[in-house]
Amino acid sequence: MPAIIKAAAAAGARWAGYVPVRLPLAVAPIFERWLERHHPLRKDKVLNQIKSIRQGRLNDAEFGSRMKGHGLLAGHLGELFQLGCRASGLKRQMPPLSTASFRWPSGSQLELFG
């Protein structure tokens, strides 16, 4: 992960965030077939690691935990991400949003397509 963080910083990123992979209902079988086709020897390991951070499932839809994961591997991923951000000079938090540049549209939105 640190290499991708370093590349993001080199490309001009000022902050970074991450979400451990989660496989919602329709996505899980597609991903499993992809693993079977392209990485059959790694399939079980990859799926088991996802399950280890998702409390034994491939998806965790619960608010608050779906963005972080649980367990030892999730903790290690978080630490690795923080180290990469620190080494690359990226902030962990998104800067405050501003509406200063927002302008109300002058006409109908349909004019955008005409």
PDB file of N, CA and C in Angstrom:
ATOM      1  N   MET A   1       0.813  -1.202   0.000  1.00  0.00           N
ATOM      2  CA  MET A   1       0.000   0.000   0.000  1.00  0.00           C
ATOM      3  C   MET A   1       0.859   1.270   0.000  1.00  0.00           C
ATOM      4  N   PRO A   2       2.002   1.320   0.697  1.00  0.00           N
ATOM      5  CA  PRO A   2       2.777   2.561   0.697  1.00  0.00           C
ATOM      6  C   PRO A   2       3.187   3.023  -0.704  1.00  0.00           C
ATOM      7  N   ALA A   3       3.432   2.113  -1.645  1.00  0.00           N
ATOM      8  CA  ALA A   3       3.839   2.526  -2.997  1.00  0.00           C
ATOM      9  C   ALA A   3       2.730   3.307  -3.683  1.00  0.00           C
ATOM     10  N   ILE A   4       1.499   2.889  -3.525  1.00  0.00           N
ATOM     11  CA  ILE A   4       0.392   3.593  -4.167  1.00  0.00           C
ATOM     12  C   ILE A   4       0.152   4.943  -3.488  1.00  0.00           C
ATOM     13  N   ILE A   5       0.381   5.006  -2.186  1.00  0.00           N
ATOM     14  CA  ILE A   5       0.249   6.286  -1.477  1.00  0.00           C
ATOM     15  C   ILE A   5       1.337   7.251  -1.944  1.00  0.00           C
ATOM     16  N   LYS A   6       2.546   6.740  -2.096  1.00  0.00           N
ATOM     17  CA  LYS A   6       3.655   7.565  -2.581  1.00  0.00           C
ATOM     18  C   LYS A   6       3.359   8.077  -3.995  1.00  0.00           C
ATOM     19  N   ALA A   7       2.805   7.220  -4.843  1.00  0.00           N
ATOM     20  CA  ALA A   7       2.459   7.619  -6.208  1.00  0.00           C
ATOM     21  C   ALA A   7       1.356   8.679  -6.203  1.00  0.00           C
ATOM     22  N   ALA A   8       0.390   8.534  -5.311  1.00  0.00           N
ATOM     23  CA  ALA A   8      -0.687   9.525  -5.217  1.00  0.00           C
ATOM     24  C   ALA A   8      -0.129  10.877  -4.792  1.00  0.00           C
ATOM     25  N   ALA A   9       0.773  10.868  -3.829  1.00  0.00           N
ATOM     26  CA  ALA A   9       1.384  12.119  -3.371  1.00  0.00           C
ATOM     27  C   ALA A   9       2.206  12.762  -4.493  1.00  0.00           C
ATOM     28  N   ALA A  10       2.936  11.942  -5.234  1.00  0.00           N
ATOM     29  CA  ALA A  10       3.745  12.457  -6.335  1.00  0.00           C
ATOM     30  C   ALA A  10       2.867  13.055  -7.436  1.00  0.00           C
ATOM     31  N   ALA A  11       1.635  12.553  -7.569  1.00  0.00           N
ATOM     32  CA  ALA A  11       0.712  13.058  -8.592  1.00  0.00           C
ATOM     33  C   ALA A  11      -0.060  14.288  -8.119  1.00  0.00           C
ATOM     34  N   GLY A  12       0.178  14.721  -6.861  1.00  0.00           N
ATOM     35  CA  GLY A  12      -0.446  15.945  -6.385  1.00  0.00           C
ATOM     36  C   GLY A  12      -1.519  15.775  -5.322  1.00  0.00           C
ATOM     37  N   ALA A  13      -1.777  14.544  -4.880  1.00  0.00           N
ATOM     38  CA  ALA A  13      -2.780  14.340  -3.827  1.00  0.00           C
ATOM     39  C   ALA A  13      -2.331  15.030  -2.544  1.00  0.00           C
ATOM     40  N   ARG A  14      -3.286  15.576  -1.807  1.00  0.00           N
ATOM     41  CA  ARG A  14      -2.971  16.236  -0.537  1.00  0.00           C
ATOM     42  C   ARG A  14      -3.492  15.459   0.659  1.00  0.00           C
ATOM     43  N   TRP A  15      -4.422  14.541   0.425  1.00  0.00           N
ATOM     44  CA  TRP A  15      -4.947  13.715   1.505  1.00  0.00           C
ATOM     45  C   TRP A  15      -5.314  12.368   0.914  1.00  0.00           C
ATOM     46  N   ALA A  16      -5.512  11.384   1.765  1.00  0.00           N
ATOM     47  CA  ALA A  16      -5.845  10.042   1.292  1.00  0.00           C
ATOM     48  C   ALA A  16      -6.734   9.335   2.306  1.00  0.00           C
ATOM     49  N   GLY A  17      -7.483   8.405   1.820  1.00  0.00           N
ATOM     50  CA  GLY A  17      -8.323   7.552   2.651  1.00  0.00           C
ATOM     51  C   GLY A  17      -8.418   6.187   2.005  1.00  0.00           C
ATOM     52  N   TYR A  18      -8.939   5.209   2.718  1.00  0.00           N
ATOM     53  CA  TYR A  18      -9.082   3.870   2.160  1.00  0.00           C
ATOM     54  C   TYR A  18     -10.278   3.174   2.796  1.00  0.00           C
ATOM     55  N   VAL A  19     -10.780   2.174   2.104  1.00  0.00           N
ATOM     56  CA  VAL A  19     -11.834   1.308   2.609  1.00  0.00           C
ATOM     57  C   VAL A  19     -11.419  -0.117   2.263  1.00  0.00           C
ATOM     58  N   PRO A  20     -11.313  -1.014   3.241  1.00  0.00           N
ATOM     59  CA  PRO A  20     -10.990  -2.406   2.912  1.00  0.00           C
ATOM     60  C   PRO A  20     -12.068  -2.989   1.993  1.00  0.00           C
ATOM     61  N   VAL A  21     -11.649  -3.843   1.101  1.00  0.00           N
ATOM     62  CA  VAL A  21     -12.579  -4.401   0.121  1.00  0.00           C
ATOM     63  C   VAL A  21     -13.761  -5.089   0.806  1.00  0.00           C
ATOM     64  N   ARG A  22     -14.935  -4.832   0.246  1.00  0.00           N
ATOM     65  CA  ARG A  22     -16.139  -5.532   0.670  1.00  0.00           C
ATOM     66  C   ARG A  22     -16.881  -5.940  -0.579  1.00  0.00           C
ATOM     67  N   LEU A  23     -17.496  -7.094  -0.524  1.00  0.00           N
ATOM     68  CA  LEU A  23     -18.137  -7.658  -1.701  1.00  0.00           C
ATOM     69  C   LEU A  23     -19.639  -7.793  -1.479  1.00  0.00           C
ATOM     70  N   PRO A  24     -20.405  -6.768  -1.867  1.00  0.00           N
ATOM     71  CA  PRO A  24     -21.859  -6.845  -1.731  1.00  0.00           C
ATOM     72  C   PRO A  24     -22.442  -8.010  -2.525  1.00  0.00           C
ATOM     73  N   LEU A  25     -23.707  -8.276  -2.284  1.00  0.00           N
ATOM     74  CA  LEU A  25     -24.395  -9.460  -2.804  1.00  0.00           C
ATOM     75  C   LEU A  25     -24.089  -9.813  -4.255  1.00  0.00           C
ATOM     76  N   ALA A  26     -24.328  -8.922  -5.184  1.00  0.00           N
ATOM     77  CA  ALA A  26     -24.155  -9.245  -6.596  1.00  0.00           C
ATOM     78  C   ALA A  26     -22.686  -9.255  -7.016  1.00  0.00           C
ATOM     79  N   VAL A  27     -21.829  -8.591  -6.273  1.00  0.00           N
ATOM     80  CA  VAL A  27     -20.421  -8.481  -6.646  1.00  0.00           C
ATOM     81  C   VAL A  27     -19.632  -9.722  -6.250  1.00  0.00           C
ATOM     82  N   ALA A  28     -19.965 -10.336  -5.119  1.00  0.00           N
ATOM     83  CA  ALA A  28     -19.198 -11.463  -4.594  1.00  0.00           C
ATOM     84  C   ALA A  28     -19.034 -12.601  -5.602  1.00  0.00           C
ATOM     85  N   PRO A  29     -20.108 -13.102  -6.219  1.00  0.00           N
ATOM     86  CA  PRO A  29     -19.908 -14.214  -7.160  1.00  0.00           C
ATOM     87  C   PRO A  29     -19.083 -13.824  -8.391  1.00  0.00           C
ATOM     88  N   ILE A  30     -19.204 -12.592  -8.836  1.00  0.00           N
ATOM     89  CA  ILE A  30     -18.417 -12.128  -9.979  1.00  0.00           C
ATOM     90  C   ILE A  30     -16.938 -12.105  -9.610  1.00  0.00           C
ATOM     91  N   PHE A  31     -16.638 -11.578  -8.426  1.00  0.00           N
ATOM     92  CA  PHE A  31     -15.250 -11.514  -7.968  1.00  0.00           C
ATOM     93  C   PHE A  31     -14.687 -12.919  -7.768  1.00  0.00           C
ATOM     94  N   GLU A  32     -15.491 -13.814  -7.197  1.00  0.00           N
ATOM     95  CA  GLU A  32     -15.036 -15.194  -6.996  1.00  0.00           C
ATOM     96  C   GLU A  32     -14.721 -15.868  -8.326  1.00  0.00           C
ATOM     97  N   ARG A  33     -15.554 -15.671  -9.339  1.00  0.00           N
ATOM     98  CA  ARG A  33     -15.291 -16.248 -10.671  1.00  0.00           C
ATOM     99  C   ARG A  33     -14.025 -15.648 -11.280  1.00  0.00           C
ATOM    100  N   TRP A  34     -13.838 -14.322 -11.079  1.00  0.00           N
ATOM    101  CA  TRP A  34     -12.643 -13.672 -11.587  1.00  0.00           C
ATOM    102  C   TRP A  34     -11.396 -14.272 -10.933  1.00  0.00           C
ATOM    103  N   LEU A  35     -11.434 -14.447  -9.613  1.00  0.00           N
ATOM    104  CA  LEU A  35     -10.302 -15.065  -8.912  1.00  0.00           C
ATOM    105  C   LEU A  35     -10.049 -16.476  -9.427  1.00  0.00           C
ATOM    106  N   GLU A  36     -11.107 -17.240  -9.604  1.00  0.00           N
ATOM    107  CA  GLU A  36     -10.979 -18.614 -10.082  1.00  0.00           C
ATOM    108  C   GLU A  36     -10.309 -18.647 -11.459  1.00  0.00           C
ATOM    109  N   ARG A  37     -10.669 -17.710 -12.313  1.00  0.00           N
ATOM    110  CA  ARG A  37     -10.130 -17.676 -13.678  1.00  0.00           C
ATOM    111  C   ARG A  37      -8.688 -17.151 -13.707  1.00  0.00           C
ATOM    112  N   HIS A  38      -8.408 -16.085 -12.963  1.00  0.00           N
ATOM    113  CA  HIS A  38      -7.103 -15.419 -13.076  1.00  0.00           C
ATOM    114  C   HIS A  38      -6.093 -15.789 -11.990  1.00  0.00           C
ATOM    115  N   HIS A  39      -6.559 -16.169 -10.817  1.00  0.00           N
ATOM    116  CA  HIS A  39      -5.652 -16.505  -9.704  1.00  0.00           C
ATOM    117  C   HIS A  39      -6.192 -17.691  -8.911  1.00  0.00           C
ATOM    118  N   PRO A  40      -6.365 -18.842  -9.538  1.00  0.00           N
ATOM    119  CA  PRO A  40      -7.000 -19.972  -8.841  1.00  0.00           C
ATOM    120  C   PRO A  40      -6.246 -20.436  -7.595  1.00  0.00           C
ATOM    121  N   LEU A  41      -4.928 -20.320  -7.599  1.00  0.00           N
ATOM    122  CA  LEU A  41      -4.163 -20.766  -6.429  1.00  0.00           C
ATOM    123  C   LEU A  41      -4.269 -19.792  -5.267  1.00  0.00           C
ATOM    124  N   ARG A  42      -4.628 -18.565  -5.527  1.00  0.00           N
ATOM    125  CA  ARG A  42      -4.747 -17.546  -4.475  1.00  0.00           C
ATOM    126  C   ARG A  42      -6.189 -17.312  -4.036  1.00  0.00           C
ATOM    127  N   LYS A  43      -7.148 -17.893  -4.732  1.00  0.00           N
ATOM    128  CA  LYS A  43      -8.563 -17.613  -4.483  1.00  0.00           C
ATOM    129  C   LYS A  43      -8.944 -17.791  -3.014  1.00  0.00           C
ATOM    130  N   ASP A  44      -8.661 -18.956  -2.451  1.00  0.00           N
ATOM    131  CA  ASP A  44      -9.057 -19.215  -1.059  1.00  0.00           C
ATOM    132  C   ASP A  44      -8.388 -18.252  -0.090  1.00  0.00           C
ATOM    133  N   LYS A  45      -7.111 -17.954  -0.309  1.00  0.00           N
ATOM    134  CA  LYS A  45      -6.393 -17.038   0.587  1.00  0.00           C
ATOM    135  C   LYS A  45      -7.016 -15.643   0.540  1.00  0.00           C
ATOM    136  N   VAL A  46      -7.295 -15.146  -0.664  1.00  0.00           N
ATOM    137  CA  VAL A  46      -7.875 -13.814  -0.807  1.00  0.00           C
ATOM    138  C   VAL A  46      -9.248 -13.752  -0.140  1.00  0.00           C
ATOM    139  N   LEU A  47     -10.100 -14.728  -0.424  1.00  0.00           N
ATOM    140  CA  LEU A  47     -11.441 -14.723   0.161  1.00  0.00           C
ATOM    141  C   LEU A  47     -11.393 -14.855   1.680  1.00  0.00           C
ATOM    142  N   ASN A  48     -10.489 -15.674   2.187  1.00  0.00           N
ATOM    143  CA  ASN A  48     -10.365 -15.831   3.638  1.00  0.00           C
ATOM    144  C   ASN A  48      -9.854 -14.558   4.303  1.00  0.00           C
ATOM    145  N   GLN A  49      -8.985 -13.817   3.629  1.00  0.00           N
ATOM    146  CA  GLN A  49      -8.522 -12.552   4.209  1.00  0.00           C
ATOM    147  C   GLN A  49      -9.644 -11.520   4.232  1.00  0.00           C
ATOM    148  N   ILE A  50     -10.451 -11.494   3.187  1.00  0.00           N
ATOM    149  CA  ILE A  50     -11.604 -10.588   3.191  1.00  0.00           C
ATOM    150  C   ILE A  50     -12.543 -10.973   4.327  1.00  0.00           C
ATOM    151  N   LYS A  51     -12.803 -12.256   4.475  1.00  0.00           N
ATOM    152  CA  LYS A  51     -13.692 -12.728   5.548  1.00  0.00           C
ATOM    153  C   LYS A  51     -13.115 -12.407   6.925  1.00  0.00           C
ATOM    154  N   SER A  52     -11.785 -12.427   7.044  1.00  0.00           N
ATOM    155  CA  SER A  52     -11.177 -12.163   8.356  1.00  0.00           C
ATOM    156  C   SER A  52     -11.398 -10.727   8.814  1.00  0.00           C
ATOM    157  N   ILE A  53     -11.527  -9.783   7.880  1.00  0.00           N
ATOM    158  CA  ILE A  53     -11.773  -8.396   8.278  1.00  0.00           C
ATOM    159  C   ILE A  53     -13.260  -8.056   8.248  1.00  0.00           C
ATOM    160  N   ARG A  54     -14.078  -8.982   7.778  1.00  0.00           N
ATOM    161  CA  ARG A  54     -15.529  -8.776   7.676  1.00  0.00           C
ATOM    162  C   ARG A  54     -16.304  -9.732   8.561  1.00  0.00           C
ATOM    163  N   GLN A  55     -15.692 -10.156   9.657  1.00  0.00           N
ATOM    164  CA  GLN A  55     -16.329 -11.024  10.656  1.00  0.00           C
ATOM    165  C   GLN A  55     -16.927 -12.290  10.037  1.00  0.00           C
ATOM    166  N   GLY A  56     -16.132 -12.932   9.170  1.00  0.00           N
ATOM    167  CA  GLY A  56     -16.530 -14.202   8.591  1.00  0.00           C
ATOM    168  C   GLY A  56     -17.393 -14.109   7.344  1.00  0.00           C
ATOM    169  N   ARG A  57     -17.660 -12.902   6.888  1.00  0.00           N
ATOM    170  CA  ARG A  57     -18.481 -12.718   5.674  1.00  0.00           C
ATOM    171  C   ARG A  57     -17.656 -11.982   4.621  1.00  0.00           C
ATOM    172  N   LEU A  58     -18.171 -11.941   3.415  1.00  0.00           N
ATOM    173  CA  LEU A  58     -17.496 -11.199   2.351  1.00  0.00           C
ATOM    174  C   LEU A  58     -17.948  -9.743   2.313  1.00  0.00           C
ATOM    175  N   ASN A  59     -18.993  -9.426   3.049  1.00  0.00           N
ATOM    176  CA  ASN A  59     -19.530  -8.070   3.059  1.00  0.00           C
ATOM    177  C   ASN A  59     -19.984  -7.733   4.473  1.00  0.00           C
ATOM    178  N   ASP A  60     -19.819  -6.497   4.830  1.00  0.00           N
ATOM    179  CA  ASP A  60     -20.337  -5.981   6.093  1.00  0.00           C
ATOM    180  C   ASP A  60     -21.012  -4.664   5.773  1.00  0.00           C
ATOM    181  N   ALA A  61     -22.323  -4.656   5.766  1.00  0.00           N
ATOM    182  CA  ALA A  61     -23.071  -3.455   5.384  1.00  0.00           C
ATOM    183  C   ALA A  61     -23.371  -2.553   6.571  1.00  0.00           C
ATOM    184  N   GLU A  62     -22.951  -2.936   7.757  1.00  0.00           N
ATOM    185  CA  GLU A  62     -23.279  -2.161   8.952  1.00  0.00           C
ATOM    186  C   GLU A  62     -22.529  -0.831   8.985  1.00  0.00           C
ATOM    187  N   PHE A  63     -23.283   0.240   9.187  1.00  0.00           N
ATOM    188  CA  PHE A  63     -22.696   1.580   9.224  1.00  0.00           C
ATOM    189  C   PHE A  63     -21.667   1.646  10.345  1.00  0.00           C
ATOM    190  N   GLY A  64     -20.533   2.243  10.053  1.00  0.00           N
ATOM    191  CA  GLY A  64     -19.486   2.397  11.054  1.00  0.00           C
ATOM    192  C   GLY A  64     -18.426   1.318  10.975  1.00  0.00           C
ATOM    193  N   SER A  65     -18.804   0.101  10.644  1.00  0.00           N
ATOM    194  CA  SER A  65     -17.796  -0.961  10.552  1.00  0.00           C
ATOM    195  C   SER A  65     -17.466  -1.317   9.107  1.00  0.00           C
ATOM    196  N   ARG A  66     -18.370  -1.003   8.180  1.00  0.00           N
ATOM    197  CA  ARG A  66     -18.106  -1.377   6.786  1.00  0.00           C
ATOM    198  C   ARG A  66     -16.931  -0.621   6.191  1.00  0.00           C
ATOM    199  N   MET A  67     -16.626   0.537   6.728  1.00  0.00           N
ATOM    200  CA  MET A  67     -15.535   1.339   6.188  1.00  0.00           C
ATOM    201  C   MET A  67     -14.183   1.013   6.828  1.00  0.00           C
ATOM    202  N   LYS A  68     -14.172   0.224   7.906  1.00  0.00           N
ATOM    203  CA  LYS A  68     -12.937  -0.035   8.632  1.00  0.00           C
ATOM    204  C   LYS A  68     -12.533  -1.499   8.657  1.00  0.00           C
ATOM    205  N   GLY A  69     -13.469  -2.379   8.881  1.00  0.00           N
ATOM    206  CA  GLY A  69     -13.137  -3.777   9.076  1.00  0.00           C
ATOM    207  C   GLY A  69     -12.845  -4.063  10.542  1.00  0.00           C
ATOM    208  N   HIS A  70     -12.632  -5.322  10.852  1.00  0.00           N
ATOM    209  CA  HIS A  70     -12.378  -5.764  12.224  1.00  0.00           C
ATOM    210  C   HIS A  70     -11.192  -6.710  12.248  1.00  0.00           C
ATOM    211  N   GLY A  71     -10.576  -6.833  13.388  1.00  0.00           N
ATOM    212  CA  GLY A  71      -9.557  -7.851  13.595  1.00  0.00           C
ATOM    213  C   GLY A  71      -8.144  -7.392  13.336  1.00  0.00           C
ATOM    214  N   LEU A  72      -7.249  -8.363  13.467  1.00  0.00           N
ATOM    215  CA  LEU A  72      -5.819  -8.119  13.379  1.00  0.00           C
ATOM    216  C   LEU A  72      -5.397  -7.606  11.998  1.00  0.00           C
ATOM    217  N   LEU A  73      -5.872  -8.238  10.937  1.00  0.00           N
ATOM    218  CA  LEU A  73      -5.499  -7.816   9.592  1.00  0.00           C
ATOM    219  C   LEU A  73      -5.996  -6.404   9.296  1.00  0.00           C
ATOM    220  N   ALA A  74      -7.208  -6.086   9.699  1.00  0.00           N
ATOM    221  CA  ALA A  74      -7.737  -4.733   9.495  1.00  0.00           C
ATOM    222  C   ALA A  74      -6.884  -3.711  10.241  1.00  0.00           C
ATOM    223  N   GLY A  75      -6.450  -4.059  11.446  1.00  0.00           N
ATOM    224  CA  GLY A  75      -5.571  -3.179  12.221  1.00  0.00           C
ATOM    225  C   GLY A  75      -4.233  -2.961  11.529  1.00  0.00           C
ATOM    226  N   HIS A  76      -3.669  -4.039  10.991  1.00  0.00           N
ATOM    227  CA  HIS A  76      -2.392  -3.925  10.277  1.00  0.00           C
ATOM    228  C   HIS A  76      -2.535  -3.067   9.024  1.00  0.00           C
ATOM    229  N   LEU A  77      -3.637  -3.241   8.298  1.00  0.00           N
ATOM    230  CA  LEU A  77      -3.869  -2.417   7.107  1.00  0.00           C
ATOM    231  C   LEU A  77      -3.944  -0.937   7.478  1.00  0.00           C
ATOM    232  N   GLY A  78      -4.635  -0.633   8.567  1.00  0.00           N
ATOM    233  CA  GLY A  78      -4.747   0.745   9.030  1.00  0.00           C
ATOM    234  C   GLY A  78      -3.397   1.335   9.399  1.00  0.00           C
ATOM    235  N   GLU A  79      -2.585   0.564  10.100  1.00  0.00           N
ATOM    236  CA  GLU A  79      -1.252   1.036  10.486  1.00  0.00           C
ATOM    237  C   GLU A  79      -0.367   1.249   9.269  1.00  0.00           C
ATOM    238  N   LEU A  80      -0.421   0.323   8.331  1.00  0.00           N
ATOM    239  CA  LEU A  80       0.372   0.439   7.112  1.00  0.00           C
ATOM    240  C   LEU A  80      -0.045   1.679   6.321  1.00  0.00           C
ATOM    241  N   PHE A  81      -1.337   1.925   6.262  1.00  0.00           N
ATOM    242  CA  PHE A  81      -1.842   3.108   5.568  1.00  0.00           C
ATOM    243  C   PHE A  81      -1.349   4.384   6.241  1.00  0.00           C
ATOM    244  N   GLN A  82      -1.434   4.438   7.565  1.00  0.00           N
ATOM    245  CA  GLN A  82      -0.972   5.626   8.300  1.00  0.00           C
ATOM    246  C   GLN A  82       0.517   5.862   8.093  1.00  0.00           C
ATOM    247  N   LEU A  83       1.312   4.803   8.121  1.00  0.00           N
ATOM    248  CA  LEU A  83       2.753   4.944   7.895  1.00  0.00           C
ATOM    249  C   LEU A  83       3.030   5.482   6.496  1.00  0.00           C
ATOM    250  N   GLY A  84       2.317   4.960   5.508  1.00  0.00           N
ATOM    251  CA  GLY A  84       2.490   5.427   4.140  1.00  0.00           C
ATOM    252  C   GLY A  84       2.128   6.893   3.989  1.00  0.00           C
ATOM    253  N   CYS A  85       1.037   7.300   4.630  1.00  0.00           N
ATOM    254  CA  CYS A  85       0.620   8.711   4.568  1.00  0.00           C
ATOM    255  C   CYS A  85       1.663   9.613   5.224  1.00  0.00           C
ATOM    256  N   ARG A  86       2.123   9.208   6.387  1.00  0.00           N
ATOM    257  CA  ARG A  86       3.119  10.008   7.090  1.00  0.00           C
ATOM    258  C   ARG A  86       4.397  10.145   6.267  1.00  0.00           C
ATOM    259  N   ALA A  87       4.858   9.027   5.691  1.00  0.00           N
ATOM    260  CA  ALA A  87       6.089   9.043   4.908  1.00  0.00           C
ATOM    261  C   ALA A  87       5.947   9.869   3.637  1.00  0.00           C
ATOM    262  N   SER A  88       4.736   9.944   3.101  1.00  0.00           N
ATOM    263  CA  SER A  88       4.503  10.677   1.856  1.00  0.00           C
ATOM    264  C   SER A  88       4.015  12.104   2.087  1.00  0.00           C
ATOM    265  N   GLY A  89       3.800  12.472   3.332  1.00  0.00           N
ATOM    266  CA  GLY A  89       3.343  13.817   3.649  1.00  0.00           C
ATOM    267  C   GLY A  89       1.865  14.057   3.373  1.00  0.00           C
ATOM    268  N   LEU A  90       1.100  12.985   3.269  1.00  0.00           N
ATOM    269  CA  LEU A  90      -0.340  13.134   3.036  1.00  0.00           C
ATOM    270  C   LEU A  90      -1.083  13.208   4.354  1.00  0.00           C
ATOM    271  N   LYS A  91      -2.133  13.999   4.375  1.00  0.00           N
ATOM    272  CA  LYS A  91      -2.984  14.091   5.551  1.00  0.00           C
ATOM    273  C   LYS A  91      -3.982  12.953   5.525  1.00  0.00           C
ATOM    274  N   ARG A  92      -4.422  12.544   6.704  1.00  0.00           N
ATOM    275  CA  ARG A  92      -5.411  11.477   6.808  1.00  0.00           C
ATOM    276  C   ARG A  92      -6.820  12.016   6.638  1.00  0.00           C
ATOM    277  N   GLN A  93      -7.029  13.273   6.917  1.00  0.00           N
ATOM    278  CA  GLN A  93      -8.376  13.836   6.872  1.00  0.00           C
ATOM    279  C   GLN A  93      -8.566  14.696   5.632  1.00  0.00           C
ATOM    280  N   MET A  94      -9.746  14.632   5.084  1.00  0.00           N
ATOM    281  CA  MET A  94     -10.106  15.461   3.944  1.00  0.00           C
ATOM    282  C   MET A  94     -10.190  16.913   4.402  1.00  0.00           C
ATOM    283  N   PRO A  95      -9.722  17.851   3.579  1.00  0.00           N
ATOM    284  CA  PRO A  95      -9.848  19.254   3.974  1.00  0.00           C
ATOM    285  C   PRO A  95     -11.315  19.660   4.041  1.00  0.00           C
ATOM    286  N   PRO A  96     -11.648  20.703   4.785  1.00  0.00           N
ATOM    287  CA  PRO A  96     -13.049  21.108   4.885  1.00  0.00           C
ATOM    288  C   PRO A  96     -13.609  21.490   3.514  1.00  0.00           C
ATOM    289  N   LEU A  97     -14.846  21.116   3.293  1.00  0.00           N
ATOM    290  CA  LEU A  97     -15.506  21.455   2.034  1.00  0.00           C
ATOM    291  C   LEU A  97     -15.963  22.901   2.064  1.00  0.00           C
ATOM    292  N   SER A  98     -16.043  23.505   0.899  1.00  0.00           N
ATOM    293  CA  SER A  98     -16.468  24.893   0.794  1.00  0.00           C
ATOM    294  C   SER A  98     -17.492  25.021  -0.324  1.00  0.00           C
ATOM    295  N   THR A  99     -18.452  25.881  -0.119  1.00  0.00           N
ATOM    296  CA  THR A  99     -19.444  26.172  -1.159  1.00  0.00           C
ATOM    297  C   THR A  99     -19.158  27.525  -1.814  1.00  0.00           C
ATOM    298  N   ALA A 100     -17.991  28.092  -1.564  1.00  0.00           N
ATOM    299  CA  ALA A 100     -17.654  29.427  -2.065  1.00  0.00           C
ATOM    300  C   ALA A 100     -17.717  29.517  -3.586  1.00  0.00           C
ATOM    301  N   SER A 101     -17.404  28.465  -4.288  1.00  0.00           N
ATOM    302  CA  SER A 101     -17.394  28.503  -5.754  1.00  0.00           C
ATOM    303  C   SER A 101     -18.720  28.076  -6.367  1.00  0.00           C
ATOM    304  N   PHE A 102     -19.677  27.702  -5.555  1.00  0.00           N
ATOM    305  CA  PHE A 102     -20.965  27.245  -6.080  1.00  0.00           C
ATOM    306  C   PHE A 102     -21.735  28.421  -6.665  1.00  0.00           C
ATOM    307  N   ARG A 103     -22.346  28.186  -7.813  1.00  0.00           N
ATOM    308  CA  ARG A 103     -23.214  29.189  -8.444  1.00  0.00           C
ATOM    309  C   ARG A 103     -24.513  28.510  -8.849  1.00  0.00           C
ATOM    310  N   TRP A 104     -25.620  29.153  -8.550  1.00  0.00           N
ATOM    311  CA  TRP A 104     -26.906  28.623  -8.966  1.00  0.00           C
ATOM    312  C   TRP A 104     -26.977  28.661 -10.491  1.00  0.00           C
ATOM    313  N   PRO A 105     -27.557  27.621 -11.098  1.00  0.00           N
ATOM    314  CA  PRO A 105     -27.688  27.645 -12.557  1.00  0.00           C
ATOM    315  C   PRO A 105     -28.573  28.803 -12.995  1.00  0.00           C
ATOM    316  N   SER A 106     -28.207  29.410 -14.111  1.00  0.00           N
ATOM    317  CA  SER A 106     -28.954  30.581 -14.567  1.00  0.00           C
ATOM    318  C   SER A 106     -30.227  30.190 -15.315  1.00  0.00           C
ATOM    319  N   GLY A 107     -30.251  29.061 -15.950  1.00  0.00           N
ATOM    320  CA  GLY A 107     -31.427  28.654 -16.714  1.00  0.00           C
ATOM    321  C   GLY A 107     -31.892  27.278 -16.291  1.00  0.00           C
ATOM    322  N   SER A 108     -32.569  26.646 -17.175  1.00  0.00           N
ATOM    323  CA  SER A 108     -33.091  25.309 -16.922  1.00  0.00           C
ATOM    324  C   SER A 108     -31.945  24.293 -17.102  1.00  0.00           C
ATOM    325  N   GLN A 109     -31.980  23.225 -16.343  1.00  0.00           N
ATOM    326  CA  GLN A 109     -30.990  22.168 -16.505  1.00  0.00           C
ATOM    327  C   GLN A 109     -31.091  21.523 -17.881  1.00  0.00           C
ATOM    328  N   LEU A 110     -32.257  21.603 -18.496  1.00  0.00           N
ATOM    329  CA  LEU A 110     -32.420  21.030 -19.821  1.00  0.00           C
ATOM    330  C   LEU A 110     -31.529  21.728 -20.844  1.00  0.00           C
ATOM    331  N   GLU A 111     -31.125  22.979 -20.586  1.00  0.00           N
ATOM    332  CA  GLU A 111     -30.220  23.686 -21.495  1.00  0.00           C
ATOM    333  C   GLU A 111     -28.857  23.019 -21.580  1.00  0.00           C
ATOM    334  N   LEU A 112     -28.513  22.228 -20.553  1.00  0.00           N
ATOM    335  CA  LEU A 112     -27.237  21.526 -20.560  1.00  0.00           C
ATOM    336  C   LEU A 112     -27.169  20.504 -21.685  1.00  0.00           C
ATOM    337  N   PHE A 113     -28.303  19.999 -22.115  1.00  0.00           N
ATOM    338  CA  PHE A 113     -28.331  18.926 -23.107  1.00  0.00           C
ATOM    339  C   PHE A 113     -28.757  19.412 -24.487  1.00  0.00           C
ATOM    340  N   GLY A 114     -28.937  20.692 -24.674  1.00  0.00           N
ATOM    341  CA  GLY A 114     -29.454  21.189 -25.948  1.00  0.00           C
ATOM    342  C   GLY A 114     -28.459  21.828 -26.773  1.00  0.00           C
TER     343      GLY A 114
END
